[in-house]
Amino acid sequence: MRLPITRYLPHILVGLAVASALGVAYTTVILPSSNLTTPKVTWTTSPLTISFATTDGSGSATDTFNCSSSTGPISFRTVSNSPGIIGLTVVPASFTNCGASLLQVTVVATCQVSASQCKGSFNGLVQVRQPVNYRNLPANLPVNINAG
């Protein structure tokens, strides 16, 4: 006489094998990455203000920052609230590593139109990107631009 469980024993064993593989994957890949903390950027001056005469065509301001932990290579992305009027760039455009030591950048605002059309107050943003992980690091640097 056969027990009814022996009929389903191969299915039960396959189910247990799949469940244990999923459990191992969860504990070795998903769980540790969810506990990681995202490195944060700390800016010395925030928000940064750039003021210049429109006849000059551009202005700049310097700021320093560091990261809460070593991040590896970083680059910058700039956003202008009026990209057709004011362009933003960061010099240098990248660093090979961001960590506890202070790094210095210069943010440059440039008129994209004639001096008479460039007058006004604008806003921008500098984002620190970690290209290896395809993510932006908090916190962004707000930029106030006064072109007069």
N, C-alpha and C. Protein backbone atom coordinates (compact mmCIF):
# COMPACT_ATOMS: atom_id res chain seq x y z
N MET A 1 0.83 -1.16 0.00
CA MET A 1 0.00 0.00 0.00
C MET A 1 0.89 1.25 0.00
N ARG A 2 0.64 2.19 -0.94
CA ARG A 2 1.41 3.42 -1.07
C ARG A 2 0.72 4.56 -0.35
N LEU A 3 1.53 5.37 0.26
CA LEU A 3 0.99 6.56 0.90
C LEU A 3 0.64 7.59 -0.19
N PRO A 4 -0.42 8.39 0.00
CA PRO A 4 -0.81 9.37 -1.02
C PRO A 4 0.26 10.46 -1.25
N ILE A 5 1.09 10.70 -0.25
CA ILE A 5 2.11 11.75 -0.40
C ILE A 5 3.20 11.35 -1.39
N THR A 6 3.47 10.07 -1.56
CA THR A 6 4.53 9.64 -2.48
C THR A 6 4.20 10.01 -3.91
N ARG A 7 2.94 10.11 -4.22
CA ARG A 7 2.51 10.49 -5.57
C ARG A 7 2.93 11.94 -5.88
N TYR A 8 2.92 12.80 -4.87
CA TYR A 8 3.25 14.22 -5.06
C TYR A 8 4.67 14.57 -4.60
N LEU A 9 5.44 13.59 -4.20
CA LEU A 9 6.79 13.85 -3.69
C LEU A 9 7.69 14.59 -4.68
N PRO A 10 7.73 14.25 -5.96
CA PRO A 10 8.58 15.03 -6.89
C PRO A 10 8.17 16.51 -6.97
N HIS A 11 6.88 16.79 -6.96
CA HIS A 11 6.40 18.18 -7.02
C HIS A 11 6.77 18.94 -5.74
N ILE A 12 6.68 18.28 -4.63
CA ILE A 12 7.03 18.91 -3.36
C ILE A 12 8.52 19.22 -3.31
N LEU A 13 9.36 18.29 -3.77
CA LEU A 13 10.80 18.51 -3.77
C LEU A 13 11.19 19.67 -4.70
N VAL A 14 10.59 19.76 -5.87
CA VAL A 14 10.87 20.87 -6.79
C VAL A 14 10.43 22.18 -6.16
N GLY A 15 9.27 22.21 -5.53
CA GLY A 15 8.77 23.42 -4.86
C GLY A 15 9.70 23.86 -3.74
N LEU A 16 10.20 22.91 -2.95
CA LEU A 16 11.14 23.25 -1.88
C LEU A 16 12.46 23.79 -2.45
N ALA A 17 12.93 23.23 -3.55
CA ALA A 17 14.17 23.69 -4.17
C ALA A 17 14.02 25.12 -4.69
N VAL A 18 12.90 25.41 -5.32
CA VAL A 18 12.64 26.76 -5.84
C VAL A 18 12.53 27.75 -4.67
N ALA A 19 11.80 27.38 -3.63
CA ALA A 19 11.63 28.26 -2.47
C ALA A 19 12.96 28.54 -1.79
N SER A 20 13.82 27.53 -1.67
CA SER A 20 15.11 27.76 -1.02
C SER A 20 16.01 28.63 -1.90
N ALA A 21 15.96 28.48 -3.22
CA ALA A 21 16.74 29.32 -4.12
C ALA A 21 16.28 30.78 -4.03
N LEU A 22 14.98 31.01 -3.97
CA LEU A 22 14.47 32.37 -3.81
C LEU A 22 14.87 32.96 -2.47
N GLY A 23 14.85 32.15 -1.43
CA GLY A 23 15.25 32.63 -0.11
C GLY A 23 16.71 33.03 -0.07
N VAL A 24 17.58 32.23 -0.68
CA VAL A 24 19.00 32.55 -0.73
C VAL A 24 19.23 33.83 -1.54
N ALA A 25 18.54 33.96 -2.68
CA ALA A 25 18.69 35.17 -3.50
C ALA A 25 18.24 36.41 -2.74
N TYR A 26 17.15 36.31 -2.02
CA TYR A 26 16.64 37.44 -1.26
C TYR A 26 17.63 37.87 -0.17
N THR A 27 18.17 36.92 0.57
CA THR A 27 19.06 37.28 1.68
C THR A 27 20.44 37.73 1.21
N THR A 28 20.88 37.30 0.01
CA THR A 28 22.22 37.69 -0.45
C THR A 28 22.22 38.90 -1.37
N VAL A 29 21.11 39.19 -2.04
CA VAL A 29 21.10 40.30 -3.00
C VAL A 29 20.15 41.42 -2.58
N ILE A 30 18.91 41.11 -2.40
CA ILE A 30 17.90 42.15 -2.17
C ILE A 30 17.97 42.73 -0.77
N LEU A 31 18.05 41.93 0.24
CA LEU A 31 18.06 42.42 1.62
C LEU A 31 19.27 43.31 1.91
N PRO A 32 20.50 42.92 1.56
CA PRO A 32 21.64 43.82 1.84
C PRO A 32 21.55 45.15 1.09
N SER A 33 21.10 45.15 -0.18
CA SER A 33 21.04 46.40 -0.93
C SER A 33 19.96 47.32 -0.40
N SER A 34 18.92 46.80 0.22
CA SER A 34 17.89 47.67 0.77
C SER A 34 18.35 48.32 2.08
N ASN A 35 19.37 47.77 2.71
CA ASN A 35 19.89 48.34 3.95
C ASN A 35 21.00 49.35 3.72
N LEU A 36 21.48 49.47 2.47
CA LEU A 36 22.54 50.42 2.17
C LEU A 36 22.02 51.84 2.29
N THR A 37 22.85 52.72 2.77
CA THR A 37 22.46 54.12 2.83
C THR A 37 23.05 54.84 1.63
N THR A 38 22.26 55.70 1.04
CA THR A 38 22.72 56.48 -0.09
C THR A 38 23.64 57.58 0.40
N PRO A 39 24.83 57.70 -0.18
CA PRO A 39 25.71 58.79 0.22
C PRO A 39 25.02 60.13 -0.02
N LYS A 40 25.30 61.08 0.84
CA LYS A 40 24.70 62.41 0.72
C LYS A 40 25.79 63.44 0.45
N VAL A 41 25.40 64.49 -0.26
CA VAL A 41 26.30 65.60 -0.57
C VAL A 41 26.00 66.75 0.38
N THR A 42 27.03 67.35 0.95
CA THR A 42 26.87 68.51 1.81
C THR A 42 27.58 69.69 1.16
N TRP A 43 26.81 70.73 0.83
CA TRP A 43 27.34 71.93 0.21
C TRP A 43 27.67 72.96 1.28
N THR A 44 28.76 73.70 1.10
CA THR A 44 29.15 74.74 2.05
C THR A 44 28.19 75.92 1.99
N THR A 45 27.85 76.37 0.78
CA THR A 45 26.93 77.49 0.58
C THR A 45 25.71 76.98 -0.17
N SER A 46 24.56 77.04 0.46
CA SER A 46 23.34 76.58 -0.20
C SER A 46 22.17 77.43 0.28
N PRO A 47 21.48 78.13 -0.60
CA PRO A 47 21.67 78.19 -2.05
C PRO A 47 22.86 79.07 -2.44
N LEU A 48 23.35 78.83 -3.64
CA LEU A 48 24.46 79.59 -4.21
C LEU A 48 23.86 80.72 -5.05
N THR A 49 24.41 81.94 -4.92
CA THR A 49 23.91 83.09 -5.67
C THR A 49 24.97 83.58 -6.66
N ILE A 50 24.53 83.75 -7.90
CA ILE A 50 25.39 84.29 -8.96
C ILE A 50 24.76 85.59 -9.43
N SER A 51 25.50 86.68 -9.34
CA SER A 51 25.04 87.98 -9.82
C SER A 51 26.03 88.52 -10.83
N PHE A 52 25.53 89.05 -11.95
CA PHE A 52 26.42 89.62 -12.96
C PHE A 52 25.65 90.62 -13.83
N ALA A 53 26.41 91.49 -14.47
CA ALA A 53 25.83 92.44 -15.43
C ALA A 53 25.61 91.72 -16.74
N THR A 54 24.45 91.94 -17.36
CA THR A 54 24.14 91.24 -18.61
C THR A 54 25.12 91.60 -19.71
N THR A 55 25.72 92.78 -19.62
CA THR A 55 26.71 93.16 -20.64
C THR A 55 27.96 92.30 -20.56
N ASP A 56 28.22 91.71 -19.39
CA ASP A 56 29.35 90.78 -19.26
C ASP A 56 29.05 89.44 -19.94
N GLY A 57 27.80 89.09 -20.02
CA GLY A 57 27.40 87.85 -20.68
C GLY A 57 27.38 86.63 -19.79
N SER A 58 28.13 86.67 -18.67
CA SER A 58 28.12 85.52 -17.77
C SER A 58 28.65 85.92 -16.40
N GLY A 59 28.41 85.06 -15.45
CA GLY A 59 28.91 85.25 -14.09
C GLY A 59 29.13 83.90 -13.46
N SER A 60 29.87 83.89 -12.36
CA SER A 60 30.17 82.61 -11.72
C SER A 60 30.26 82.77 -10.21
N ALA A 61 30.17 81.65 -9.53
CA ALA A 61 30.37 81.59 -8.08
C ALA A 61 30.98 80.24 -7.76
N THR A 62 31.79 80.21 -6.71
CA THR A 62 32.49 79.00 -6.31
C THR A 62 31.87 78.45 -5.03
N ASP A 63 31.81 77.14 -4.95
CA ASP A 63 31.29 76.48 -3.75
C ASP A 63 32.12 75.22 -3.51
N THR A 64 32.09 74.74 -2.28
CA THR A 64 32.76 73.49 -1.93
C THR A 64 31.73 72.52 -1.38
N PHE A 65 32.05 71.24 -1.48
CA PHE A 65 31.14 70.19 -1.02
C PHE A 65 31.94 68.95 -0.66
N ASN A 66 31.30 68.04 0.02
CA ASN A 66 31.86 66.71 0.26
C ASN A 66 30.74 65.70 0.29
N CYS A 67 31.10 64.44 0.30
CA CYS A 67 30.13 63.35 0.34
C CYS A 67 30.24 62.64 1.68
N SER A 68 29.12 62.10 2.16
CA SER A 68 29.10 61.45 3.47
C SER A 68 29.92 60.16 3.49
N SER A 69 30.09 59.54 2.34
CA SER A 69 30.94 58.35 2.24
C SER A 69 31.56 58.33 0.85
N SER A 70 32.58 57.52 0.67
CA SER A 70 33.25 57.46 -0.62
C SER A 70 32.28 56.93 -1.68
N THR A 71 32.19 57.65 -2.80
CA THR A 71 31.21 57.29 -3.82
C THR A 71 31.81 56.82 -5.13
N GLY A 72 33.11 56.99 -5.30
CA GLY A 72 33.69 56.70 -6.59
C GLY A 72 33.48 57.90 -7.51
N PRO A 73 33.52 57.69 -8.83
CA PRO A 73 33.41 58.81 -9.76
C PRO A 73 32.05 59.51 -9.66
N ILE A 74 32.08 60.84 -9.79
CA ILE A 74 30.85 61.63 -9.83
C ILE A 74 30.92 62.61 -10.98
N SER A 75 29.76 63.03 -11.45
CA SER A 75 29.67 64.07 -12.46
C SER A 75 28.52 64.99 -12.06
N PHE A 76 28.33 66.05 -12.82
CA PHE A 76 27.31 67.04 -12.48
C PHE A 76 26.32 67.19 -13.61
N ARG A 77 25.09 67.47 -13.23
CA ARG A 77 24.03 67.81 -14.18
C ARG A 77 23.45 69.14 -13.72
N THR A 78 23.27 70.05 -14.66
CA THR A 78 22.71 71.35 -14.31
C THR A 78 21.34 71.51 -14.94
N VAL A 79 20.47 72.21 -14.23
CA VAL A 79 19.12 72.48 -14.70
C VAL A 79 18.86 73.97 -14.53
N SER A 80 18.38 74.61 -15.58
CA SER A 80 18.01 76.02 -15.53
C SER A 80 16.50 76.13 -15.69
N ASN A 81 15.88 77.05 -14.96
CA ASN A 81 14.44 77.20 -15.11
C ASN A 81 14.09 77.93 -16.41
N SER A 82 15.08 78.53 -17.06
CA SER A 82 14.89 79.19 -18.36
C SER A 82 16.08 78.84 -19.27
N PRO A 83 16.15 77.61 -19.74
CA PRO A 83 17.34 77.17 -20.47
C PRO A 83 17.57 77.93 -21.78
N GLY A 84 16.53 78.52 -22.35
CA GLY A 84 16.72 79.31 -23.57
C GLY A 84 17.31 80.67 -23.29
N ILE A 85 17.30 81.09 -22.02
CA ILE A 85 17.82 82.41 -21.65
C ILE A 85 19.12 82.29 -20.87
N ILE A 86 19.15 81.41 -19.87
CA ILE A 86 20.32 81.24 -19.00
C ILE A 86 20.78 79.78 -19.06
N GLY A 87 22.06 79.59 -19.33
CA GLY A 87 22.66 78.26 -19.30
C GLY A 87 23.56 78.13 -18.08
N LEU A 88 23.62 76.93 -17.52
CA LEU A 88 24.47 76.66 -16.36
C LEU A 88 25.48 75.58 -16.70
N THR A 89 26.71 75.76 -16.23
CA THR A 89 27.74 74.73 -16.35
C THR A 89 28.51 74.67 -15.03
N VAL A 90 29.18 73.54 -14.82
CA VAL A 90 29.99 73.34 -13.62
C VAL A 90 31.41 73.00 -14.06
N VAL A 91 32.39 73.67 -13.45
CA VAL A 91 33.81 73.43 -13.75
C VAL A 91 34.50 73.05 -12.45
N PRO A 92 35.15 71.90 -12.38
CA PRO A 92 35.26 70.85 -13.38
C PRO A 92 33.94 70.09 -13.50
N ALA A 93 33.80 69.35 -14.59
CA ALA A 93 32.55 68.64 -14.87
C ALA A 93 32.44 67.32 -14.12
N SER A 94 33.54 66.83 -13.54
CA SER A 94 33.50 65.55 -12.83
C SER A 94 34.70 65.43 -11.89
N PHE A 95 34.60 64.44 -10.99
CA PHE A 95 35.70 64.08 -10.08
C PHE A 95 35.82 62.57 -10.08
N THR A 96 37.03 62.08 -9.85
CA THR A 96 37.22 60.63 -9.82
C THR A 96 36.70 59.99 -8.54
N ASN A 97 36.54 60.80 -7.47
CA ASN A 97 36.03 60.27 -6.21
C ASN A 97 35.50 61.42 -5.36
N CYS A 98 34.44 61.16 -4.64
CA CYS A 98 33.89 62.12 -3.70
C CYS A 98 33.83 61.44 -2.34
N GLY A 99 34.43 62.07 -1.35
CA GLY A 99 34.46 61.49 -0.01
C GLY A 99 34.42 62.58 1.03
N ALA A 100 35.11 62.37 2.13
CA ALA A 100 35.08 63.30 3.26
C ALA A 100 35.83 64.60 3.01
N SER A 101 36.81 64.59 2.10
CA SER A 101 37.56 65.82 1.84
C SER A 101 36.74 66.77 0.97
N LEU A 102 36.96 68.08 1.19
CA LEU A 102 36.21 69.09 0.44
C LEU A 102 36.68 69.16 -1.01
N LEU A 103 35.72 69.26 -1.91
CA LEU A 103 36.00 69.45 -3.33
C LEU A 103 35.42 70.81 -3.73
N GLN A 104 36.07 71.49 -4.65
CA GLN A 104 35.64 72.83 -5.06
C GLN A 104 35.17 72.82 -6.51
N VAL A 105 34.05 73.49 -6.76
CA VAL A 105 33.53 73.66 -8.11
C VAL A 105 33.18 75.12 -8.34
N THR A 106 33.16 75.51 -9.59
CA THR A 106 32.70 76.83 -9.99
C THR A 106 31.47 76.64 -10.87
N VAL A 107 30.38 77.28 -10.50
CA VAL A 107 29.14 77.23 -11.27
C VAL A 107 29.09 78.49 -12.11
N VAL A 108 28.91 78.32 -13.42
CA VAL A 108 28.92 79.44 -14.36
C VAL A 108 27.53 79.58 -14.97
N ALA A 109 26.98 80.79 -14.89
CA ALA A 109 25.71 81.12 -15.55
C ALA A 109 26.03 81.97 -16.76
N THR A 110 25.48 81.62 -17.92
CA THR A 110 25.78 82.31 -19.17
C THR A 110 24.49 82.71 -19.87
N CYS A 111 24.44 83.96 -20.35
CA CYS A 111 23.29 84.42 -21.14
C CYS A 111 23.29 83.70 -22.48
N GLN A 112 22.14 83.17 -22.86
CA GLN A 112 22.01 82.49 -24.14
C GLN A 112 21.40 83.42 -25.19
N VAL A 113 21.00 84.62 -24.76
CA VAL A 113 20.35 85.59 -25.64
C VAL A 113 21.07 86.94 -25.48
N SER A 114 20.56 87.97 -26.13
CA SER A 114 21.18 89.29 -26.02
C SER A 114 21.06 89.82 -24.60
N ALA A 115 21.92 90.80 -24.27
CA ALA A 115 21.96 91.35 -22.92
C ALA A 115 20.61 91.92 -22.49
N SER A 116 19.90 92.57 -23.40
CA SER A 116 18.61 93.17 -23.04
C SER A 116 17.55 92.11 -22.73
N GLN A 117 17.64 90.96 -23.35
CA GLN A 117 16.67 89.88 -23.12
C GLN A 117 17.06 89.00 -21.93
N CYS A 118 18.27 89.17 -21.43
CA CYS A 118 18.78 88.29 -20.37
C CYS A 118 18.52 88.83 -18.97
N LYS A 119 18.07 90.09 -18.87
CA LYS A 119 17.88 90.69 -17.55
C LYS A 119 16.77 89.98 -16.78
N GLY A 120 17.05 89.78 -15.47
CA GLY A 120 16.03 89.18 -14.62
C GLY A 120 16.63 88.26 -13.58
N SER A 121 15.73 87.62 -12.85
CA SER A 121 16.12 86.65 -11.83
C SER A 121 15.73 85.26 -12.31
N PHE A 122 16.64 84.34 -12.14
CA PHE A 122 16.43 82.97 -12.61
C PHE A 122 16.85 82.00 -11.51
N ASN A 123 16.45 80.76 -11.68
CA ASN A 123 16.81 79.70 -10.73
C ASN A 123 17.44 78.55 -11.49
N GLY A 124 18.29 77.85 -10.79
CA GLY A 124 18.91 76.67 -11.37
C GLY A 124 19.18 75.63 -10.29
N LEU A 125 19.73 74.53 -10.72
CA LEU A 125 19.99 73.42 -9.82
C LEU A 125 21.23 72.69 -10.31
N VAL A 126 22.09 72.31 -9.38
CA VAL A 126 23.23 71.46 -9.69
C VAL A 126 23.00 70.12 -9.00
N GLN A 127 22.98 69.07 -9.79
CA GLN A 127 22.79 67.72 -9.27
C GLN A 127 24.11 66.97 -9.35
N VAL A 128 24.43 66.23 -8.30
CA VAL A 128 25.62 65.39 -8.29
C VAL A 128 25.17 63.99 -8.68
N ARG A 129 25.79 63.47 -9.73
CA ARG A 129 25.40 62.16 -10.26
C ARG A 129 26.48 61.14 -9.98
N GLN A 130 26.03 59.93 -9.73
CA GLN A 130 26.93 58.80 -9.55
C GLN A 130 26.70 57.88 -10.75
N PRO A 131 27.46 58.08 -11.84
CA PRO A 131 27.17 57.35 -13.08
C PRO A 131 27.28 55.83 -12.95
N VAL A 132 28.11 55.35 -12.05
CA VAL A 132 28.27 53.90 -11.89
C VAL A 132 26.95 53.26 -11.46
N ASN A 133 26.20 53.97 -10.60
CA ASN A 133 24.93 53.44 -10.10
C ASN A 133 23.71 54.06 -10.76
N TYR A 134 23.92 54.92 -11.76
CA TYR A 134 22.83 55.57 -12.48
C TYR A 134 21.87 56.30 -11.54
N ARG A 135 22.42 57.09 -10.62
CA ARG A 135 21.56 57.80 -9.68
C ARG A 135 22.13 59.16 -9.34
N ASN A 136 21.25 60.03 -8.87
CA ASN A 136 21.65 61.33 -8.34
C ASN A 136 21.81 61.19 -6.84
N LEU A 137 22.79 61.88 -6.29
CA LEU A 137 22.99 61.87 -4.85
C LEU A 137 22.28 63.06 -4.23
N PRO A 138 21.57 62.88 -3.13
CA PRO A 138 21.00 64.04 -2.46
C PRO A 138 22.14 64.75 -1.73
N ALA A 139 22.19 65.98 -1.54
CA ALA A 139 21.21 67.00 -1.81
C ALA A 139 21.69 67.87 -2.97
N ASN A 140 20.73 68.32 -3.77
CA ASN A 140 21.02 69.20 -4.89
C ASN A 140 21.42 70.59 -4.38
N LEU A 141 22.15 71.31 -5.24
CA LEU A 141 22.54 72.68 -4.91
C LEU A 141 21.62 73.64 -5.67
N PRO A 142 20.75 74.37 -4.94
CA PRO A 142 19.94 75.39 -5.62
C PRO A 142 20.82 76.60 -5.99
N VAL A 143 20.56 77.18 -7.16
CA VAL A 143 21.34 78.32 -7.63
C VAL A 143 20.37 79.46 -7.96
N ASN A 144 20.60 80.62 -7.35
CA ASN A 144 19.84 81.83 -7.65
C ASN A 144 20.70 82.70 -8.56
N ILE A 145 20.13 83.12 -9.68
CA ILE A 145 20.87 83.89 -10.68
C ILE A 145 20.21 85.26 -10.84
N ASN A 146 21.00 86.31 -10.65
CA ASN A 146 20.52 87.68 -10.82
C ASN A 146 21.33 88.32 -11.95
N ALA A 147 20.68 88.50 -13.10
CA ALA A 147 21.32 89.13 -14.24
C ALA A 147 20.73 90.54 -14.40
N GLY A 148 21.59 91.55 -14.26
CA GLY A 148 21.05 92.91 -14.30
C GLY A 148 21.89 93.87 -15.09
